[in-house]
Amino acid sequence: KNIEKVHQFTSEIIAEHQETLDPTCPRDFIDAFL
C-alpha cells in the first residue's frame, strides 16, 4: 500500500510534466524521458 501511495505521488508529477512539457527546454529527468 505504501509503494502504491508513492507511485500515485510520482504519477501525479508525471501527469503535470506531460501537460507543461516544453521539448526544447527539459527541466529534469522526467522531461528528458518524455
PDB file of all heavy atoms in Angstrom:
ATOM      1  N   LYS A   1       0.837  -1.217   0.000  1.00  0.00           N
ATOM      2  CA  LYS A   1       0.000   0.000   0.000  1.00  0.00           C
ATOM      3  C   LYS A   1       0.864   1.257   0.000  1.00  0.00           C
ATOM      4  O   LYS A   1       0.545   2.238  -0.676  1.00  0.00           O
ATOM      5  CB  LYS A   1      -0.936  -0.009   1.208  1.00  0.00           C
ATOM      6  CG  LYS A   1      -2.076  -0.979   1.069  1.00  0.00           C
ATOM      7  CD  LYS A   1      -2.988  -0.949   2.269  1.00  0.00           C
ATOM      8  CE  LYS A   1      -4.086  -1.974   2.071  1.00  0.00           C
ATOM      9  NZ  LYS A   1      -4.624  -2.494   3.302  1.00  0.00           N
ATOM     10  N   ASN A   2       1.948   1.230   0.756  1.00  0.00           N
ATOM     11  CA  ASN A   2       2.853   2.390   0.800  1.00  0.00           C
ATOM     12  C   ASN A   2       3.480   2.645  -0.564  1.00  0.00           C
ATOM     13  O   ASN A   2       3.569   3.790  -1.007  1.00  0.00           O
ATOM     14  CB  ASN A   2       3.955   2.176   1.841  1.00  0.00           C
ATOM     15  CG  ASN A   2       3.448   2.277   3.256  1.00  0.00           C
ATOM     16  OD1 ASN A   2       2.306   2.656   3.494  1.00  0.00           O
ATOM     17  ND2 ASN A   2       4.292   1.921   4.201  1.00  0.00           N
ATOM     18  N   ILE A   3       3.920   1.586  -1.223  1.00  0.00           N
ATOM     19  CA  ILE A   3       4.525   1.730  -2.550  1.00  0.00           C
ATOM     20  C   ILE A   3       3.491   2.283  -3.529  1.00  0.00           C
ATOM     21  O   ILE A   3       3.808   3.122  -4.375  1.00  0.00           O
ATOM     22  CB  ILE A   3       5.130   0.400  -3.038  1.00  0.00           C
ATOM     23  CG1 ILE A   3       6.374   0.073  -2.214  1.00  0.00           C
ATOM     24  CG2 ILE A   3       5.472   0.454  -4.528  1.00  0.00           C
ATOM     25  CD1 ILE A   3       6.970  -1.290  -2.471  1.00  0.00           C
ATOM     26  N   GLU A   4       2.253   1.850  -3.391  1.00  0.00           N
ATOM     27  CA  GLU A   4       1.191   2.351  -4.257  1.00  0.00           C
ATOM     28  C   GLU A   4       0.967   3.851  -4.040  1.00  0.00           C
ATOM     29  O   GLU A   4       0.753   4.608  -4.979  1.00  0.00           O
ATOM     30  CB  GLU A   4      -0.107   1.571  -4.019  1.00  0.00           C
ATOM     31  CG  GLU A   4      -1.210   1.883  -4.995  1.00  0.00           C
ATOM     32  CD  GLU A   4      -0.805   1.765  -6.460  1.00  0.00           C
ATOM     33  OE1 GLU A   4      -0.133   0.793  -6.846  1.00  0.00           O
ATOM     34  OE2 GLU A   4      -1.164   2.682  -7.243  1.00  0.00           O
ATOM     35  N   LYS A   5       1.056   4.301  -2.787  1.00  0.00           N
ATOM     36  CA  LYS A   5       0.905   5.735  -2.484  1.00  0.00           C
ATOM     37  C   LYS A   5       2.054   6.543  -3.085  1.00  0.00           C
ATOM     38  O   LYS A   5       1.835   7.624  -3.636  1.00  0.00           O
ATOM     39  CB  LYS A   5       0.844   5.967  -0.969  1.00  0.00           C
ATOM     40  CG  LYS A   5      -0.451   5.509  -0.342  1.00  0.00           C
ATOM     41  CD  LYS A   5      -0.404   5.696   1.172  1.00  0.00           C
ATOM     42  CE  LYS A   5      -1.630   5.097   1.824  1.00  0.00           C
ATOM     43  NZ  LYS A   5      -1.536   5.135   3.290  1.00  0.00           N
ATOM     44  N   VAL A   6       3.272   6.020  -3.001  1.00  0.00           N
ATOM     45  CA  VAL A   6       4.422   6.705  -3.598  1.00  0.00           C
ATOM     46  C   VAL A   6       4.271   6.715  -5.120  1.00  0.00           C
ATOM     47  O   VAL A   6       4.558   7.714  -5.778  1.00  0.00           O
ATOM     48  CB  VAL A   6       5.761   6.052  -3.167  1.00  0.00           C
ATOM     49  CG1 VAL A   6       6.938   6.718  -3.855  1.00  0.00           C
ATOM     50  CG2 VAL A   6       5.932   6.118  -1.653  1.00  0.00           C
ATOM     51  N   HIS A   7       3.789   5.604  -5.678  1.00  0.00           N
ATOM     52  CA  HIS A   7       3.541   5.516  -7.120  1.00  0.00           C
ATOM     53  C   HIS A   7       2.512   6.568  -7.545  1.00  0.00           C
ATOM     54  O   HIS A   7       2.674   7.223  -8.583  1.00  0.00           O
ATOM     55  CB  HIS A   7       3.064   4.111  -7.487  1.00  0.00           C
ATOM     56  CG  HIS A   7       2.699   3.942  -8.919  1.00  0.00           C
ATOM     57  ND1 HIS A   7       3.627   3.970  -9.928  1.00  0.00           N
ATOM     58  CD2 HIS A   7       1.495   3.756  -9.520  1.00  0.00           C
ATOM     59  CE1 HIS A   7       3.013   3.796 -11.089  1.00  0.00           C
ATOM     60  NE2 HIS A   7       1.720   3.682 -10.858  1.00  0.00           N
ATOM     61  N   GLN A   8       1.476   6.738  -6.747  1.00  0.00           N
ATOM     62  CA  GLN A   8       0.444   7.746  -7.032  1.00  0.00           C
ATOM     63  C   GLN A   8       1.055   9.146  -7.045  1.00  0.00           C
ATOM     64  O   GLN A   8       0.785   9.960  -7.919  1.00  0.00           O
ATOM     65  CB  GLN A   8      -0.670   7.664  -5.975  1.00  0.00           C
ATOM     66  CG  GLN A   8      -1.769   8.684  -6.138  1.00  0.00           C
ATOM     67  CD  GLN A   8      -2.634   8.420  -7.350  1.00  0.00           C
ATOM     68  OE1 GLN A   8      -2.866   7.272  -7.704  1.00  0.00           O
ATOM     69  NE2 GLN A   8      -3.091   9.461  -7.999  1.00  0.00           N
ATOM     70  N   PHE A   9       1.926   9.409  -6.076  1.00  0.00           N
ATOM     71  CA  PHE A   9       2.621  10.691  -5.974  1.00  0.00           C
ATOM     72  C   PHE A   9       3.443  10.962  -7.236  1.00  0.00           C
ATOM     73  O   PHE A   9       3.351  12.031  -7.830  1.00  0.00           O
ATOM     74  CB  PHE A   9       3.519  10.667  -4.729  1.00  0.00           C
ATOM     75  CG  PHE A   9       4.372  11.887  -4.544  1.00  0.00           C
ATOM     76  CD1 PHE A   9       3.857  13.021  -3.945  1.00  0.00           C
ATOM     77  CD2 PHE A   9       5.693  11.887  -4.954  1.00  0.00           C
ATOM     78  CE1 PHE A   9       4.651  14.146  -3.760  1.00  0.00           C
ATOM     79  CE2 PHE A   9       6.494  12.998  -4.776  1.00  0.00           C
ATOM     80  CZ  PHE A   9       5.960  14.137  -4.184  1.00  0.00           C
ATOM     81  N   THR A  10       4.236   9.977  -7.655  1.00  0.00           N
ATOM     82  CA  THR A  10       5.069  10.160  -8.843  1.00  0.00           C
ATOM     83  C   THR A  10       4.218  10.257 -10.107  1.00  0.00           C
ATOM     84  O   THR A  10       4.540  11.024 -11.015  1.00  0.00           O
ATOM     85  CB  THR A  10       6.122   9.038  -8.993  1.00  0.00           C
ATOM     86  OG1 THR A  10       5.470   7.784  -9.057  1.00  0.00           O
ATOM     87  CG2 THR A  10       7.110   9.054  -7.851  1.00  0.00           C
ATOM     88  N   SER A  11       3.121   9.501 -10.171  1.00  0.00           N
ATOM     89  CA  SER A  11       2.237   9.546 -11.343  1.00  0.00           C
ATOM     90  C   SER A  11       1.621  10.930 -11.521  1.00  0.00           C
ATOM     91  O   SER A  11       1.475  11.411 -12.646  1.00  0.00           O
ATOM     92  CB  SER A  11       1.128   8.498 -11.228  1.00  0.00           C
ATOM     93  OG  SER A  11       1.671   7.213 -11.287  1.00  0.00           O
ATOM     94  N   GLU A  12       1.249  11.571 -10.404  1.00  0.00           N
ATOM     95  CA  GLU A  12       0.685  12.922 -10.475  1.00  0.00           C
ATOM     96  C   GLU A  12       1.713  13.901 -11.027  1.00  0.00           C
ATOM     97  O   GLU A  12       1.388  14.757 -11.852  1.00  0.00           O
ATOM     98  CB  GLU A  12       0.215  13.374  -9.094  1.00  0.00           C
ATOM     99  CG  GLU A  12      -1.033  12.673  -8.613  1.00  0.00           C
ATOM    100  CD  GLU A  12      -1.357  12.972  -7.152  1.00  0.00           C
ATOM    101  OE1 GLU A  12      -0.738  13.889  -6.551  1.00  0.00           O
ATOM    102  OE2 GLU A  12      -2.240  12.289  -6.608  1.00  0.00           O
ATOM    103  N   ILE A  13       2.959  13.768 -10.582  1.00  0.00           N
ATOM    104  CA  ILE A  13       4.014  14.660 -11.060  1.00  0.00           C
ATOM    105  C   ILE A  13       4.290  14.418 -12.543  1.00  0.00           C
ATOM    106  O   ILE A  13       4.472  15.360 -13.315  1.00  0.00           O
ATOM    107  CB  ILE A  13       5.286  14.509 -10.200  1.00  0.00           C
ATOM    108  CG1 ILE A  13       5.005  15.043  -8.797  1.00  0.00           C
ATOM    109  CG2 ILE A  13       6.467  15.231 -10.837  1.00  0.00           C
ATOM    110  CD1 ILE A  13       6.126  14.841  -7.807  1.00  0.00           C
ATOM    111  N   ILE A  14       4.280  13.156 -12.973  1.00  0.00           N
ATOM    112  CA  ILE A  14       4.489  12.832 -14.386  1.00  0.00           C
ATOM    113  C   ILE A  14       3.365  13.443 -15.227  1.00  0.00           C
ATOM    114  O   ILE A  14       3.618  14.037 -16.283  1.00  0.00           O
ATOM    115  CB  ILE A  14       4.583  11.303 -14.596  1.00  0.00           C
ATOM    116  CG1 ILE A  14       5.893  10.783 -14.011  1.00  0.00           C
ATOM    117  CG2 ILE A  14       4.465  10.947 -16.078  1.00  0.00           C
ATOM    118  CD1 ILE A  14       5.983   9.269 -13.920  1.00  0.00           C
ATOM    119  N   ALA A  15       2.123  13.342 -14.754  1.00  0.00           N
ATOM    120  CA  ALA A  15       0.986  13.911 -15.485  1.00  0.00           C
ATOM    121  C   ALA A  15       1.127  15.429 -15.612  1.00  0.00           C
ATOM    122  O   ALA A  15       0.871  15.997 -16.691  1.00  0.00           O
ATOM    123  CB  ALA A  15      -0.323  13.553 -14.793  1.00  0.00           C
ATOM    124  N   GLU A  16       1.559  16.092 -14.538  1.00  0.00           N
ATOM    125  CA  GLU A  16       1.791  17.547 -14.580  1.00  0.00           C
ATOM    126  C   GLU A  16       2.863  17.885 -15.615  1.00  0.00           C
ATOM    127  O   GLU A  16       2.731  18.848 -16.368  1.00  0.00           O
ATOM    128  CB  GLU A  16       2.230  18.068 -13.210  1.00  0.00           C
ATOM    129  CG  GLU A  16       1.140  18.107 -12.172  1.00  0.00           C
ATOM    130  CD  GLU A  16       1.688  18.443 -10.780  1.00  0.00           C
ATOM    131  OE1 GLU A  16       2.811  18.982 -10.664  1.00  0.00           O
ATOM    132  OE2 GLU A  16       0.983  18.149  -9.799  1.00  0.00           O
ATOM    133  N   HIS A  17       3.927  17.073 -15.627  1.00  0.00           N
ATOM    134  CA  HIS A  17       5.016  17.304 -16.586  1.00  0.00           C
ATOM    135  C   HIS A  17       4.544  17.129 -18.024  1.00  0.00           C
ATOM    136  O   HIS A  17       4.976  17.861 -18.910  1.00  0.00           O
ATOM    137  CB  HIS A  17       6.187  16.362 -16.298  1.00  0.00           C
ATOM    138  CG  HIS A  17       7.138  16.861 -15.270  1.00  0.00           C
ATOM    139  ND1 HIS A  17       6.784  17.062 -13.955  1.00  0.00           N
ATOM    140  CD2 HIS A  17       8.436  17.205 -15.360  1.00  0.00           C
ATOM    141  CE1 HIS A  17       7.834  17.503 -13.291  1.00  0.00           C
ATOM    142  NE2 HIS A  17       8.852  17.605 -14.122  1.00  0.00           N
ATOM    143  N   GLN A  18       3.675  16.144 -18.256  1.00  0.00           N
ATOM    144  CA  GLN A  18       3.166  15.923 -19.607  1.00  0.00           C
ATOM    145  C   GLN A  18       2.365  17.132 -20.086  1.00  0.00           C
ATOM    146  O   GLN A  18       2.420  17.486 -21.257  1.00  0.00           O
ATOM    147  CB  GLN A  18       2.299  14.662 -19.653  1.00  0.00           C
ATOM    148  CG  GLN A  18       3.116  13.385 -19.583  1.00  0.00           C
ATOM    149  CD  GLN A  18       2.253  12.144 -19.494  1.00  0.00           C
ATOM    150  OE1 GLN A  18       1.340  12.060 -18.672  1.00  0.00           O
ATOM    151  NE2 GLN A  18       2.552  11.168 -20.331  1.00  0.00           N
ATOM    152  N   GLU A  19       1.632  17.773 -19.176  1.00  0.00           N
ATOM    153  CA  GLU A  19       0.818  18.933 -19.533  1.00  0.00           C
ATOM    154  C   GLU A  19       1.661  20.173 -19.798  1.00  0.00           C
ATOM    155  O   GLU A  19       1.299  21.011 -20.615  1.00  0.00           O
ATOM    156  CB  GLU A  19      -0.192  19.234 -18.426  1.00  0.00           C
ATOM    157  CG  GLU A  19      -1.263  18.181 -18.270  1.00  0.00           C
ATOM    158  CD  GLU A  19      -2.130  18.392 -17.028  1.00  0.00           C
ATOM    159  OE1 GLU A  19      -2.055  19.496 -16.422  1.00  0.00           O
ATOM    160  OE2 GLU A  19      -2.856  17.469 -16.660  1.00  0.00           O
ATOM    161  N   THR A  20       2.789  20.297 -19.100  1.00  0.00           N
ATOM    162  CA  THR A  20       3.587  21.529 -19.172  1.00  0.00           C
ATOM    163  C   THR A  20       4.908  21.345 -19.912  1.00  0.00           C
ATOM    164  O   THR A  20       5.770  22.212 -19.851  1.00  0.00           O
ATOM    165  CB  THR A  20       3.882  22.052 -17.752  1.00  0.00           C
ATOM    166  OG1 THR A  20       4.610  21.053 -17.020  1.00  0.00           O
ATOM    167  CG2 THR A  20       2.611  22.397 -17.001  1.00  0.00           C
ATOM    168  N   LEU A  21       5.054  20.232 -20.608  1.00  0.00           N
ATOM    169  CA  LEU A  21       6.317  19.908 -21.280  1.00  0.00           C
ATOM    170  C   LEU A  21       6.659  20.909 -22.380  1.00  0.00           C
ATOM    171  O   LEU A  21       5.827  21.225 -23.222  1.00  0.00           O
ATOM    172  CB  LEU A  21       6.251  18.491 -21.868  1.00  0.00           C
ATOM    173  CG  LEU A  21       7.484  18.022 -22.636  1.00  0.00           C
ATOM    174  CD1 LEU A  21       8.672  17.860 -21.684  1.00  0.00           C
ATOM    175  CD2 LEU A  21       7.189  16.697 -23.339  1.00  0.00           C
ATOM    176  N   ASP A  22       7.903  21.389 -22.336  1.00  0.00           N
ATOM    177  CA  ASP A  22       8.476  22.181 -23.428  1.00  0.00           C
ATOM    178  C   ASP A  22       9.662  21.364 -23.950  1.00  0.00           C
ATOM    179  O   ASP A  22      10.722  21.344 -23.324  1.00  0.00           O
ATOM    180  CB  ASP A  22       8.941  23.551 -22.925  1.00  0.00           C
ATOM    181  CG  ASP A  22       9.615  24.370 -24.009  1.00  0.00           C
ATOM    182  OD1 ASP A  22       9.687  23.908 -25.175  1.00  0.00           O
ATOM    183  OD2 ASP A  22      10.094  25.476 -23.691  1.00  0.00           O
ATOM    184  N   PRO A  23       9.486  20.677 -25.094  1.00  0.00           N
ATOM    185  CA  PRO A  23      10.539  19.790 -25.605  1.00  0.00           C
ATOM    186  C   PRO A  23      11.891  20.468 -25.819  1.00  0.00           C
ATOM    187  O   PRO A  23      12.924  19.825 -25.781  1.00  0.00           O
ATOM    188  CB  PRO A  23       9.981  19.284 -26.930  1.00  0.00           C
ATOM    189  CG  PRO A  23       8.519  19.526 -26.873  1.00  0.00           C
ATOM    190  CD  PRO A  23       8.316  20.703 -25.962  1.00  0.00           C
ATOM    191  N   THR A  24      11.890  21.781 -26.019  1.00  0.00           N
ATOM    192  CA  THR A  24      13.144  22.492 -26.266  1.00  0.00           C
ATOM    193  C   THR A  24      13.888  22.849 -24.983  1.00  0.00           C
ATOM    194  O   THR A  24      15.039  23.263 -25.036  1.00  0.00           O
ATOM    195  CB  THR A  24      12.888  23.788 -27.063  1.00  0.00           C
ATOM    196  OG1 THR A  24      12.050  24.650 -26.275  1.00  0.00           O
ATOM    197  CG2 THR A  24      12.234  23.492 -28.401  1.00  0.00           C
ATOM    198  N   CYS A  25      13.218  22.682 -23.829  1.00  0.00           N
ATOM    199  CA  CYS A  25      13.841  23.085 -22.564  1.00  0.00           C
ATOM    200  C   CYS A  25      13.494  22.083 -21.454  1.00  0.00           C
ATOM    201  O   CYS A  25      12.654  22.361 -20.592  1.00  0.00           O
ATOM    202  CB  CYS A  25      13.367  24.490 -22.194  1.00  0.00           C
ATOM    203  SG  CYS A  25      14.190  25.156 -20.751  1.00  0.00           S
ATOM    204  N   PRO A  26      14.129  20.890 -21.470  1.00  0.00           N
ATOM    205  CA  PRO A  26      13.827  19.903 -20.418  1.00  0.00           C
ATOM    206  C   PRO A  26      14.273  20.398 -19.047  1.00  0.00           C
ATOM    207  O   PRO A  26      15.363  20.927 -18.890  1.00  0.00           O
ATOM    208  CB  PRO A  26      14.609  18.660 -20.847  1.00  0.00           C
ATOM    209  CG  PRO A  26      15.597  19.129 -21.844  1.00  0.00           C
ATOM    210  CD  PRO A  26      15.117  20.420 -22.416  1.00  0.00           C
ATOM    211  N   ARG A  27      13.388  20.235 -18.072  1.00  0.00           N
ATOM    212  CA  ARG A  27      13.644  20.722 -16.721  1.00  0.00           C
ATOM    213  C   ARG A  27      14.317  19.685 -15.832  1.00  0.00           C
ATOM    214  O   ARG A  27      14.941  20.026 -14.837  1.00  0.00           O
ATOM    215  CB  ARG A  27      12.315  21.122 -16.056  1.00  0.00           C
ATOM    216  CG  ARG A  27      11.552  22.198 -16.784  1.00  0.00           C
ATOM    217  CD  ARG A  27      10.135  22.270 -16.295  1.00  0.00           C
ATOM    218  NE  ARG A  27       9.400  21.112 -16.841  1.00  0.00           N
ATOM    219  CZ  ARG A  27       8.083  21.004 -16.851  1.00  0.00           C
ATOM    220  NH1 ARG A  27       7.334  21.937 -16.322  1.00  0.00           N
ATOM    221  NH2 ARG A  27       7.496  19.942 -17.389  1.00  0.00           N
ATOM    222  N   ASP A  28      14.140  18.399 -16.179  1.00  0.00           N
ATOM    223  CA  ASP A  28      14.572  17.341 -15.273  1.00  0.00           C
ATOM    224  C   ASP A  28      14.556  15.989 -15.985  1.00  0.00           C
ATOM    225  O   ASP A  28      14.356  15.914 -17.198  1.00  0.00           O
ATOM    226  CB  ASP A  28      13.641  17.304 -14.058  1.00  0.00           C
ATOM    227  CG  ASP A  28      12.169  17.262 -14.455  1.00  0.00           C
ATOM    228  OD1 ASP A  28      11.842  16.659 -15.490  1.00  0.00           O
ATOM    229  OD2 ASP A  28      11.341  17.835 -13.737  1.00  0.00           O
ATOM    230  N   PHE A  29      14.748  14.934 -15.213  1.00  0.00           N
ATOM    231  CA  PHE A  29      14.763  13.568 -15.737  1.00  0.00           C
ATOM    232  C   PHE A  29      13.448  13.221 -16.432  1.00  0.00           C
ATOM    233  O   PHE A  29      13.444  12.623 -17.514  1.00  0.00           O
ATOM    234  CB  PHE A  29      15.045  12.583 -14.595  1.00  0.00           C
ATOM    235  CG  PHE A  29      14.910  11.146 -14.990  1.00  0.00           C
ATOM    236  CD1 PHE A  29      15.922  10.512 -15.690  1.00  0.00           C
ATOM    237  CD2 PHE A  29      13.768  10.421 -14.674  1.00  0.00           C
ATOM    238  CE1 PHE A  29      15.807   9.178 -16.073  1.00  0.00           C
ATOM    239  CE2 PHE A  29      13.645   9.090 -15.049  1.00  0.00           C
ATOM    240  CZ  PHE A  29      14.658   8.465 -15.747  1.00  0.00           C
ATOM    241  N   ILE A  30      12.335  13.589 -15.817  1.00  0.00           N
ATOM    242  CA  ILE A  30      11.023  13.245 -16.379  1.00  0.00           C
ATOM    243  C   ILE A  30      10.860  13.882 -17.763  1.00  0.00           C
ATOM    244  O   ILE A  30      10.429  13.216 -18.708  1.00  0.00           O
ATOM    245  CB  ILE A  30       9.874  13.653 -15.431  1.00  0.00           C
ATOM    246  CG1 ILE A  30       9.925  12.800 -14.165  1.00  0.00           C
ATOM    247  CG2 ILE A  30       8.518  13.517 -16.111  1.00  0.00           C
ATOM    248  CD1 ILE A  30       8.940  13.205 -13.080  1.00  0.00           C
ATOM    249  N   ASP A  31      11.213  15.157 -17.890  1.00  0.00           N
ATOM    250  CA  ASP A  31      11.108  15.821 -19.195  1.00  0.00           C
ATOM    251  C   ASP A  31      12.008  15.164 -20.239  1.00  0.00           C
ATOM    252  O   ASP A  31      11.599  14.972 -21.389  1.00  0.00           O
ATOM    253  CB  ASP A  31      11.470  17.305 -19.076  1.00  0.00           C
ATOM    254  CG  ASP A  31      10.340  18.141 -18.507  1.00  0.00           C
ATOM    255  OD1 ASP A  31       9.253  17.594 -18.250  1.00  0.00           O
ATOM    256  OD2 ASP A  31      10.552  19.355 -18.331  1.00  0.00           O
ATOM    257  N   ALA A  32      13.219  14.813 -19.838  1.00  0.00           N
ATOM    258  CA  ALA A  32      14.147  14.148 -20.765  1.00  0.00           C
ATOM    259  C   ALA A  32      13.562  12.808 -21.221  1.00  0.00           C
ATOM    260  O   ALA A  32      13.634  12.452 -22.402  1.00  0.00           O
ATOM    261  CB  ALA A  32      15.507  13.944 -20.104  1.00  0.00           C
ATOM    262  N   PHE A  33      12.966  12.071 -20.306  1.00  0.00           N
ATOM    263  CA  PHE A  33      12.354  10.786 -20.628  1.00  0.00           C
ATOM    264  C   PHE A  33      11.160  10.993 -21.561  1.00  0.00           C
ATOM    265  O   PHE A  33      10.992  10.256 -22.540  1.00  0.00           O
ATOM    266  CB  PHE A  33      11.914  10.079 -19.342  1.00  0.00           C
ATOM    267  CG  PHE A  33      11.696   8.606 -19.490  1.00  0.00           C
ATOM    268  CD1 PHE A  33      12.652   7.701 -19.055  1.00  0.00           C
ATOM    269  CD2 PHE A  33      10.530   8.100 -20.050  1.00  0.00           C
ATOM    270  CE1 PHE A  33      12.447   6.328 -19.178  1.00  0.00           C
ATOM    271  CE2 PHE A  33      10.322   6.736 -20.186  1.00  0.00           C
ATOM    272  CZ  PHE A  33      11.283   5.852 -19.747  1.00  0.00           C
ATOM    273  N   LEU A  34      10.326  11.999 -21.266  1.00  0.00           N
ATOM    274  CA  LEU A  34       9.170  12.287 -22.123  1.00  0.00           C
ATOM    275  C   LEU A  34       9.612  12.675 -23.532  1.00  0.00           C
ATOM    276  O   LEU A  34       8.982  12.263 -24.518  1.00  0.00           O
ATOM    277  CB  LEU A  34       8.309  13.400 -21.501  1.00  0.00           C
ATOM    278  CG  LEU A  34       7.541  13.025 -20.226  1.00  0.00           C
ATOM    279  CD1 LEU A  34       6.912  14.262 -19.603  1.00  0.00           C
ATOM    280  CD2 LEU A  34       6.501  11.953 -20.503  1.00  0.00           C
TER     281      LEU A  34
END
